[in-house]
Amino acid sequence: MNISLQPEQEQLIQSKLQSGKYENAYQVIVAALQLLEERDKHYEQWLEETRQKVAVGIEQANRGQLTAGEVAFAILREKLAQKGESLQ
């Protein structure tokens, strides 16, 4: 397989080689592909967990187990505040 890289990508590979952590471009590419695989694995796990949470929420809503919007937003604001973020 032949792959054409953009100059920025080639520059990134060169900087990784200059760092001394990698001996050749192949090692840089393998490390990048491993990170991509790990990211995709985490995304798939997050997606499945989110789907399950949505399904639970829909079931609760169908049973009439709802939270008033003001209360829900107050809870979200509190959680975000604890993380140092804000709800816009």
PDB file of N, CA and C in Angstrom:
ATOM      1  N   MET A   1       0.842  -1.173   0.000  1.00  0.00           N
ATOM      2  CA  MET A   1       0.000   0.000   0.000  1.00  0.00           C
ATOM      3  C   MET A   1       0.890   1.240   0.000  1.00  0.00           C
ATOM      4  N   ASN A   2       0.593   2.135  -0.884  1.00  0.00           N
ATOM      5  CA  ASN A   2       1.280   3.427  -0.925  1.00  0.00           C
ATOM      6  C   ASN A   2       0.347   4.491  -0.384  1.00  0.00           C
ATOM      7  N   ILE A   3       0.880   5.335   0.481  1.00  0.00           N
ATOM      8  CA  ILE A   3       0.073   6.391   1.084  1.00  0.00           C
ATOM      9  C   ILE A   3       0.761   7.724   0.826  1.00  0.00           C
ATOM     10  N   SER A   4      -0.016   8.681   0.370  1.00  0.00           N
ATOM     11  CA  SER A   4       0.497  10.036   0.187  1.00  0.00           C
ATOM     12  C   SER A   4       0.110  10.862   1.403  1.00  0.00           C
ATOM     13  N   LEU A   5       1.085  11.555   1.950  1.00  0.00           N
ATOM     14  CA  LEU A   5       0.848  12.385   3.130  1.00  0.00           C
ATOM     15  C   LEU A   5       0.924  13.849   2.762  1.00  0.00           C
ATOM     16  N   GLN A   6       0.171  14.649   3.483  1.00  0.00           N
ATOM     17  CA  GLN A   6       0.252  16.095   3.350  1.00  0.00           C
ATOM     18  C   GLN A   6       1.570  16.547   3.993  1.00  0.00           C
ATOM     19  N   PRO A   7       2.096  17.679   3.572  1.00  0.00           N
ATOM     20  CA  PRO A   7       3.348  18.165   4.177  1.00  0.00           C
ATOM     21  C   PRO A   7       3.281  18.280   5.700  1.00  0.00           C
ATOM     22  N   GLU A   8       2.127  18.696   6.223  1.00  0.00           N
ATOM     23  CA  GLU A   8       1.983  18.816   7.681  1.00  0.00           C
ATOM     24  C   GLU A   8       2.113  17.456   8.364  1.00  0.00           C
ATOM     25  N   GLN A   9       1.585  16.425   7.736  1.00  0.00           N
ATOM     26  CA  GLN A   9       1.668  15.079   8.299  1.00  0.00           C
ATOM     27  C   GLN A   9       3.101  14.559   8.245  1.00  0.00           C
ATOM     28  N   GLU A  10       3.772  14.833   7.156  1.00  0.00           N
ATOM     29  CA  GLU A  10       5.181  14.439   7.045  1.00  0.00           C
ATOM     30  C   GLU A  10       6.020  15.152   8.099  1.00  0.00           C
ATOM     31  N   GLN A  11       5.707  16.427   8.304  1.00  0.00           N
ATOM     32  CA  GLN A  11       6.436  17.209   9.304  1.00  0.00           C
ATOM     33  C   GLN A  11       6.203  16.640  10.705  1.00  0.00           C
ATOM     34  N   LEU A  12       4.978  16.219  10.983  1.00  0.00           N
ATOM     35  CA  LEU A  12       4.679  15.617  12.285  1.00  0.00           C
ATOM     36  C   LEU A  12       5.483  14.337  12.482  1.00  0.00           C
ATOM     37  N   ILE A  13       5.537  13.511  11.457  1.00  0.00           N
ATOM     38  CA  ILE A  13       6.312  12.268  11.547  1.00  0.00           C
ATOM     39  C   ILE A  13       7.784  12.589  11.767  1.00  0.00           C
ATOM     40  N   GLN A  14       8.300  13.563  11.039  1.00  0.00           N
ATOM     41  CA  GLN A  14       9.706  13.946  11.204  1.00  0.00           C
ATOM     42  C   GLN A  14       9.983  14.450  12.617  1.00  0.00           C
ATOM     43  N   SER A  15       9.060  15.221  13.170  1.00  0.00           N
ATOM     44  CA  SER A  15       9.282  15.725  14.533  1.00  0.00           C
ATOM     45  C   SER A  15       9.255  14.588  15.541  1.00  0.00           C
ATOM     46  N   LYS A  16       8.415  13.586  15.302  1.00  0.00           N
ATOM     47  CA  LYS A  16       8.391  12.419  16.199  1.00  0.00           C
ATOM     48  C   LYS A  16       9.696  11.644  16.097  1.00  0.00           C
ATOM     49  N   LEU A  17      10.234  11.546  14.889  1.00  0.00           N
ATOM     50  CA  LEU A  17      11.516  10.854  14.702  1.00  0.00           C
ATOM     51  C   LEU A  17      12.639  11.628  15.391  1.00  0.00           C
ATOM     52  N   GLN A  18      12.616  12.950  15.282  1.00  0.00           N
ATOM     53  CA  GLN A  18      13.651  13.776  15.894  1.00  0.00           C
ATOM     54  C   GLN A  18      13.604  13.731  17.417  1.00  0.00           C
ATOM     55  N   SER A  19      12.426  13.390  17.960  1.00  0.00           N
ATOM     56  CA  SER A  19      12.317  13.298  19.422  1.00  0.00           C
ATOM     57  C   SER A  19      13.117  12.125  19.967  1.00  0.00           C
ATOM     58  N   GLY A  20      13.424  11.174  19.089  1.00  0.00           N
ATOM     59  CA  GLY A  20      14.194  10.011  19.515  1.00  0.00           C
ATOM     60  C   GLY A  20      13.347   8.867  20.042  1.00  0.00           C
ATOM     61  N   LYS A  21      12.060   9.074  20.148  1.00  0.00           N
ATOM     62  CA  LYS A  21      11.189   8.020  20.672  1.00  0.00           C
ATOM     63  C   LYS A  21      10.954   6.920  19.641  1.00  0.00           C
ATOM     64  N   TYR A  22      11.048   7.278  18.372  1.00  0.00           N
ATOM     65  CA  TYR A  22      10.802   6.328  17.294  1.00  0.00           C
ATOM     66  C   TYR A  22      12.036   6.227  16.415  1.00  0.00           C
ATOM     67  N   GLU A  23      12.291   5.024  15.904  1.00  0.00           N
ATOM     68  CA  GLU A  23      13.465   4.816  15.061  1.00  0.00           C
ATOM     69  C   GLU A  23      13.169   5.070  13.589  1.00  0.00           C
ATOM     70  N   ASN A  24      11.908   4.888  13.190  1.00  0.00           N
ATOM     71  CA  ASN A  24      11.568   5.068  11.785  1.00  0.00           C
ATOM     72  C   ASN A  24      10.095   5.458  11.649  1.00  0.00           C
ATOM     73  N   ALA A  25       9.716   5.876  10.443  1.00  0.00           N
ATOM     74  CA  ALA A  25       8.351   6.339  10.193  1.00  0.00           C
ATOM     75  C   ALA A  25       7.332   5.218  10.430  1.00  0.00           C
ATOM     76  N   TYR A  26       7.714   4.003  10.144  1.00  0.00           N
ATOM     77  CA  TYR A  26       6.804   2.874  10.353  1.00  0.00           C
ATOM     78  C   TYR A  26       6.361   2.804  11.813  1.00  0.00           C
ATOM     79  N   GLN A  27       7.276   2.976  12.737  1.00  0.00           N
ATOM     80  CA  GLN A  27       6.931   2.929  14.159  1.00  0.00           C
ATOM     81  C   GLN A  27       5.970   4.051  14.536  1.00  0.00           C
ATOM     82  N   VAL A  28       6.147   5.210  13.947  1.00  0.00           N
ATOM     83  CA  VAL A  28       5.249   6.337  14.212  1.00  0.00           C
ATOM     84  C   VAL A  28       3.844   5.992  13.716  1.00  0.00           C
ATOM     85  N   ILE A  29       3.750   5.456  12.515  1.00  0.00           N
ATOM     86  CA  ILE A  29       2.455   5.102  11.937  1.00  0.00           C
ATOM     87  C   ILE A  29       1.783   4.008  12.760  1.00  0.00           C
ATOM     88  N   VAL A  30       2.523   3.003  13.181  1.00  0.00           N
ATOM     89  CA  VAL A  30       1.953   1.923  13.999  1.00  0.00           C
ATOM     90  C   VAL A  30       1.407   2.478  15.309  1.00  0.00           C
ATOM     91  N   ALA A  31       2.159   3.362  15.949  1.00  0.00           N
ATOM     92  CA  ALA A  31       1.698   3.963  17.206  1.00  0.00           C
ATOM     93  C   ALA A  31       0.429   4.774  16.971  1.00  0.00           C
ATOM     94  N   ALA A  32       0.379   5.511  15.874  1.00  0.00           N
ATOM     95  CA  ALA A  32      -0.807   6.310  15.565  1.00  0.00           C
ATOM     96  C   ALA A  32      -2.013   5.410  15.321  1.00  0.00           C
ATOM     97  N   LEU A  33      -1.821   4.317  14.614  1.00  0.00           N
ATOM     98  CA  LEU A  33      -2.926   3.394  14.348  1.00  0.00           C
ATOM     99  C   LEU A  33      -3.406   2.717  15.627  1.00  0.00           C
ATOM    100  N   GLN A  34      -2.497   2.426  16.541  1.00  0.00           N
ATOM    101  CA  GLN A  34      -2.893   1.846  17.828  1.00  0.00           C
ATOM    102  C   GLN A  34      -3.740   2.831  18.616  1.00  0.00           C
ATOM    103  N   LEU A  35      -3.356   4.095  18.608  1.00  0.00           N
ATOM    104  CA  LEU A  35      -4.141   5.115  19.295  1.00  0.00           C
ATOM    105  C   LEU A  35      -5.520   5.266  18.660  1.00  0.00           C
ATOM    106  N   LEU A  36      -5.581   5.218  17.347  1.00  0.00           N
ATOM    107  CA  LEU A  36      -6.857   5.299  16.639  1.00  0.00           C
ATOM    108  C   LEU A  36      -7.760   4.129  17.015  1.00  0.00           C
ATOM    109  N   GLU A  37      -7.195   2.943  17.069  1.00  0.00           N
ATOM    110  CA  GLU A  37      -7.972   1.761  17.447  1.00  0.00           C
ATOM    111  C   GLU A  37      -8.497   1.892  18.876  1.00  0.00           C
ATOM    112  N   GLU A  38      -7.669   2.379  19.772  1.00  0.00           N
ATOM    113  CA  GLU A  38      -8.076   2.562  21.168  1.00  0.00           C
ATOM    114  C   GLU A  38      -9.190   3.603  21.265  1.00  0.00           C
ATOM    115  N   ARG A  39      -9.044   4.703  20.538  1.00  0.00           N
ATOM    116  CA  ARG A  39     -10.067   5.744  20.545  1.00  0.00           C
ATOM    117  C   ARG A  39     -11.396   5.208  20.025  1.00  0.00           C
ATOM    118  N   ASP A  40     -11.330   4.440  18.937  1.00  0.00           N
ATOM    119  CA  ASP A  40     -12.551   3.871  18.375  1.00  0.00           C
ATOM    120  C   ASP A  40     -13.214   2.901  19.344  1.00  0.00           C
ATOM    121  N   LYS A  41     -12.407   2.142  20.060  1.00  0.00           N
ATOM    122  CA  LYS A  41     -12.941   1.195  21.041  1.00  0.00           C
ATOM    123  C   LYS A  41     -13.677   1.942  22.153  1.00  0.00           C
ATOM    124  N   HIS A  42     -13.060   3.025  22.641  1.00  0.00           N
ATOM    125  CA  HIS A  42     -13.697   3.823  23.689  1.00  0.00           C
ATOM    126  C   HIS A  42     -14.970   4.480  23.175  1.00  0.00           C
ATOM    127  N   TYR A  43     -14.946   4.932  21.930  1.00  0.00           N
ATOM    128  CA  TYR A  43     -16.130   5.553  21.353  1.00  0.00           C
ATOM    129  C   TYR A  43     -17.274   4.554  21.256  1.00  0.00           C
ATOM    130  N   GLU A  44     -16.988   3.350  20.800  1.00  0.00           N
ATOM    131  CA  GLU A  44     -18.025   2.330  20.688  1.00  0.00           C
ATOM    132  C   GLU A  44     -18.612   2.007  22.064  1.00  0.00           C
ATOM    133  N   GLN A  45     -17.769   1.933  23.066  1.00  0.00           N
ATOM    134  CA  GLN A  45     -18.234   1.674  24.431  1.00  0.00           C
ATOM    135  C   GLN A  45     -19.106   2.833  24.913  1.00  0.00           C
ATOM    136  N   TRP A  46     -18.660   4.066  24.693  1.00  0.00           N
ATOM    137  CA  TRP A  46     -19.435   5.243  25.090  1.00  0.00           C
ATOM    138  C   TRP A  46     -20.773   5.260  24.367  1.00  0.00           C
ATOM    139  N   LEU A  47     -20.782   4.938  23.089  1.00  0.00           N
ATOM    140  CA  LEU A  47     -22.003   4.943  22.301  1.00  0.00           C
ATOM    141  C   LEU A  47     -23.003   3.920  22.837  1.00  0.00           C
ATOM    142  N   GLU A  48     -22.534   2.727  23.156  1.00  0.00           N
ATOM    143  CA  GLU A  48     -23.429   1.694  23.687  1.00  0.00           C
ATOM    144  C   GLU A  48     -23.983   2.113  25.043  1.00  0.00           C
ATOM    145  N   GLU A  49     -23.131   2.666  25.910  1.00  0.00           N
ATOM    146  CA  GLU A  49     -23.602   3.126  27.223  1.00  0.00           C
ATOM    147  C   GLU A  49     -24.635   4.242  27.064  1.00  0.00           C
ATOM    148  N   THR A  50     -24.398   5.147  26.125  1.00  0.00           N
ATOM    149  CA  THR A  50     -25.330   6.252  25.892  1.00  0.00           C
ATOM    150  C   THR A  50     -26.661   5.730  25.370  1.00  0.00           C
ATOM    151  N   ARG A  51     -26.620   4.772  24.470  1.00  0.00           N
ATOM    152  CA  ARG A  51     -27.861   4.179  23.959  1.00  0.00           C
ATOM    153  C   ARG A  51     -28.659   3.522  25.080  1.00  0.00           C
ATOM    154  N   GLN A  52     -27.964   2.844  25.976  1.00  0.00           N
ATOM    155  CA  GLN A  52     -28.646   2.206  27.106  1.00  0.00           C
ATOM    156  C   GLN A  52     -29.278   3.251  28.017  1.00  0.00           C
ATOM    157  N   LYS A  53     -28.549   4.338  28.282  1.00  0.00           N
ATOM    158  CA  LYS A  53     -29.087   5.394  29.137  1.00  0.00           C
ATOM    159  C   LYS A  53     -30.306   6.054  28.494  1.00  0.00           C
ATOM    160  N   VAL A  54     -30.259   6.262  27.198  1.00  0.00           N
ATOM    161  CA  VAL A  54     -31.395   6.856  26.498  1.00  0.00           C
ATOM    162  C   VAL A  54     -32.596   5.920  26.563  1.00  0.00           C
ATOM    163  N   ALA A  55     -32.360   4.628  26.384  1.00  0.00           N
ATOM    164  CA  ALA A  55     -33.454   3.655  26.457  1.00  0.00           C
ATOM    165  C   ALA A  55     -34.101   3.667  27.841  1.00  0.00           C
ATOM    166  N   VAL A  56     -33.276   3.744  28.879  1.00  0.00           N
ATOM    167  CA  VAL A  56     -33.805   3.813  30.250  1.00  0.00           C
ATOM    168  C   VAL A  56     -34.621   5.087  30.414  1.00  0.00           C
ATOM    169  N   GLY A  57     -34.102   6.208  29.917  1.00  0.00           N
ATOM    170  CA  GLY A  57     -34.816   7.475  30.020  1.00  0.00           C
ATOM    171  C   GLY A  57     -36.156   7.442  29.304  1.00  0.00           C
ATOM    172  N   ILE A  58     -36.188   6.824  28.141  1.00  0.00           N
ATOM    173  CA  ILE A  58     -37.443   6.712  27.393  1.00  0.00           C
ATOM    174  C   ILE A  58     -38.444   5.855  28.154  1.00  0.00           C
ATOM    175  N   GLU A  59     -37.959   4.750  28.724  1.00  0.00           N
ATOM    176  CA  GLU A  59     -38.847   3.891  29.530  1.00  0.00           C
ATOM    177  C   GLU A  59     -39.406   4.660  30.716  1.00  0.00           C
ATOM    178  N   GLN A  60     -38.554   5.431  31.392  1.00  0.00           N
ATOM    179  CA  GLN A  60     -39.008   6.213  32.538  1.00  0.00           C
ATOM    180  C   GLN A  60     -40.024   7.266  32.103  1.00  0.00           C
ATOM    181  N   ALA A  61     -39.776   7.912  30.992  1.00  0.00           N
ATOM    182  CA  ALA A  61     -40.708   8.930  30.497  1.00  0.00           C
ATOM    183  C   ALA A  61     -42.049   8.290  30.138  1.00  0.00           C
ATOM    184  N   ASN A  62     -42.010   7.124  29.535  1.00  0.00           N
ATOM    185  CA  ASN A  62     -43.251   6.422  29.177  1.00  0.00           C
ATOM    186  C   ASN A  62     -44.065   6.044  30.414  1.00  0.00           C
ATOM    187  N   ARG A  63     -43.368   5.829  31.542  1.00  0.00           N
ATOM    188  CA  ARG A  63     -44.060   5.507  32.792  1.00  0.00           C
ATOM    189  C   ARG A  63     -44.467   6.766  33.550  1.00  0.00           C
ATOM    190  N   GLY A  64     -44.138   7.930  32.992  1.00  0.00           N
ATOM    191  CA  GLY A  64     -44.487   9.184  33.654  1.00  0.00           C
ATOM    192  C   GLY A  64     -43.478   9.626  34.691  1.00  0.00           C
ATOM    193  N   GLN A  65     -42.333   8.981  34.741  1.00  0.00           N
ATOM    194  CA  GLN A  65     -41.286   9.335  35.707  1.00  0.00           C
ATOM    195  C   GLN A  65     -40.412  10.433  35.092  1.00  0.00           C
ATOM    196  N   LEU A  66     -40.912  11.640  35.155  1.00  0.00           N
ATOM    197  CA  LEU A  66     -40.228  12.766  34.530  1.00  0.00           C
ATOM    198  C   LEU A  66     -39.747  13.751  35.582  1.00  0.00           C
ATOM    199  N   THR A  67     -38.745  14.531  35.215  1.00  0.00           N
ATOM    200  CA  THR A  67     -38.230  15.591  36.067  1.00  0.00           C
ATOM    201  C   THR A  67     -38.541  16.918  35.392  1.00  0.00           C
ATOM    202  N   ALA A  68     -39.024  17.873  36.155  1.00  0.00           N
ATOM    203  CA  ALA A  68     -39.315  19.194  35.603  1.00  0.00           C
ATOM    204  C   ALA A  68     -38.046  19.781  34.989  1.00  0.00           C
ATOM    205  N   GLY A  69     -38.217  20.509  33.908  1.00  0.00           N
ATOM    206  CA  GLY A  69     -37.074  21.072  33.196  1.00  0.00           C
ATOM    207  C   GLY A  69     -36.173  21.915  34.059  1.00  0.00           C
ATOM    208  N   GLU A  70     -36.776  22.745  34.921  1.00  0.00           N
ATOM    209  CA  GLU A  70     -35.977  23.605  35.793  1.00  0.00           C
ATOM    210  C   GLU A  70     -35.108  22.771  36.735  1.00  0.00           C
ATOM    211  N   VAL A  71     -35.682  21.694  37.239  1.00  0.00           N
ATOM    212  CA  VAL A  71     -34.932  20.820  38.158  1.00  0.00           C
ATOM    213  C   VAL A  71     -33.801  20.125  37.403  1.00  0.00           C
ATOM    214  N   ALA A  72     -34.107  19.630  36.201  1.00  0.00           N
ATOM    215  CA  ALA A  72     -33.084  18.947  35.401  1.00  0.00           C
ATOM    216  C   ALA A  72     -31.919  19.878  35.097  1.00  0.00           C
ATOM    217  N   PHE A  73     -32.221  21.128  34.705  1.00  0.00           N
ATOM    218  CA  PHE A  73     -31.157  22.070  34.408  1.00  0.00           C
ATOM    219  C   PHE A  73     -30.369  22.441  35.660  1.00  0.00           C
ATOM    220  N   ALA A  74     -31.037  22.524  36.796  1.00  0.00           N
ATOM    221  CA  ALA A  74     -30.327  22.814  38.048  1.00  0.00           C
ATOM    222  C   ALA A  74     -29.342  21.698  38.370  1.00  0.00           C
ATOM    223  N   ILE A  75     -29.769  20.467  38.153  1.00  0.00           N
ATOM    224  CA  ILE A  75     -28.881  19.316  38.391  1.00  0.00           C
ATOM    225  C   ILE A  75     -27.689  19.358  37.444  1.00  0.00           C
ATOM    226  N   LEU A  76     -27.963  19.637  36.165  1.00  0.00           N
ATOM    227  CA  LEU A  76     -26.879  19.729  35.184  1.00  0.00           C
ATOM    228  C   LEU A  76     -25.907  20.850  35.528  1.00  0.00           C
ATOM    229  N   ARG A  77     -26.443  21.991  35.921  1.00  0.00           N
ATOM    230  CA  ARG A  77     -25.572  23.124  36.283  1.00  0.00           C
ATOM    231  C   ARG A  77     -24.676  22.762  37.467  1.00  0.00           C
ATOM    232  N   GLU A  78     -25.249  22.075  38.431  1.00  0.00           N
ATOM    233  CA  GLU A  78     -24.468  21.668  39.605  1.00  0.00           C
ATOM    234  C   GLU A  78     -23.344  20.712  39.202  1.00  0.00           C
ATOM    235  N   LYS A  79     -23.663  19.733  38.361  1.00  0.00           N
ATOM    236  CA  LYS A  79     -22.635  18.775  37.915  1.00  0.00           C
ATOM    237  C   LYS A  79     -21.533  19.481  37.139  1.00  0.00           C
ATOM    238  N   LEU A  80     -21.930  20.416  36.277  1.00  0.00           N
ATOM    239  CA  LEU A  80     -20.934  21.156  35.503  1.00  0.00           C
ATOM    240  C   LEU A  80     -20.084  22.051  36.401  1.00  0.00           C
ATOM    241  N   ALA A  81     -20.718  22.667  37.391  1.00  0.00           N
ATOM    242  CA  ALA A  81     -19.986  23.522  38.326  1.00  0.00           C
ATOM    243  C   ALA A  81     -18.921  22.721  39.075  1.00  0.00           C
ATOM    244  N   GLN A  82     -19.254  21.489  39.422  1.00  0.00           N
ATOM    245  CA  GLN A  82     -18.311  20.631  40.112  1.00  0.00           C
ATOM    246  C   GLN A  82     -17.107  20.315  39.236  1.00  0.00           C
ATOM    247  N   LYS A  83     -17.322  20.322  37.917  1.00  0.00           N
ATOM    248  CA  LYS A  83     -16.235  20.051  36.975  1.00  0.00           C
ATOM    249  C   LYS A  83     -15.555  21.332  36.514  1.00  0.00           C
ATOM    250  N   GLY A  84     -16.033  22.473  36.991  1.00  0.00           N
ATOM    251  CA  GLY A  84     -15.456  23.748  36.603  1.00  0.00           C
ATOM    252  C   GLY A  84     -15.908  24.217  35.231  1.00  0.00           C
ATOM    253  N   GLU A  85     -17.057  23.746  34.768  1.00  0.00           N
ATOM    254  CA  GLU A  85     -17.585  24.129  33.469  1.00  0.00           C
ATOM    255  C   GLU A  85     -18.879  24.895  33.684  1.00  0.00           C
ATOM    256  N   SER A  86     -19.468  25.394  32.599  1.00  0.00           N
ATOM    257  CA  SER A  86     -20.741  26.100  32.730  1.00  0.00           C
ATOM    258  C   SER A  86     -21.697  25.669  31.635  1.00  0.00           C
ATOM    259  N   LEU A  87     -22.977  25.796  31.916  1.00  0.00           N
ATOM    260  CA  LEU A  87     -24.035  25.480  30.972  1.00  0.00           C
ATOM    261  C   LEU A  87     -24.461  26.779  30.305  1.00  0.00           C
ATOM    262  N   GLN A  88     -24.335  26.870  29.010  1.00  0.00           N
ATOM    263  CA  GLN A  88     -24.645  28.100  28.291  1.00  0.00           C
ATOM    264  C   GLN A  88     -26.087  28.136  27.877  1.00  0.00           C
TER     265      GLN A  88
END
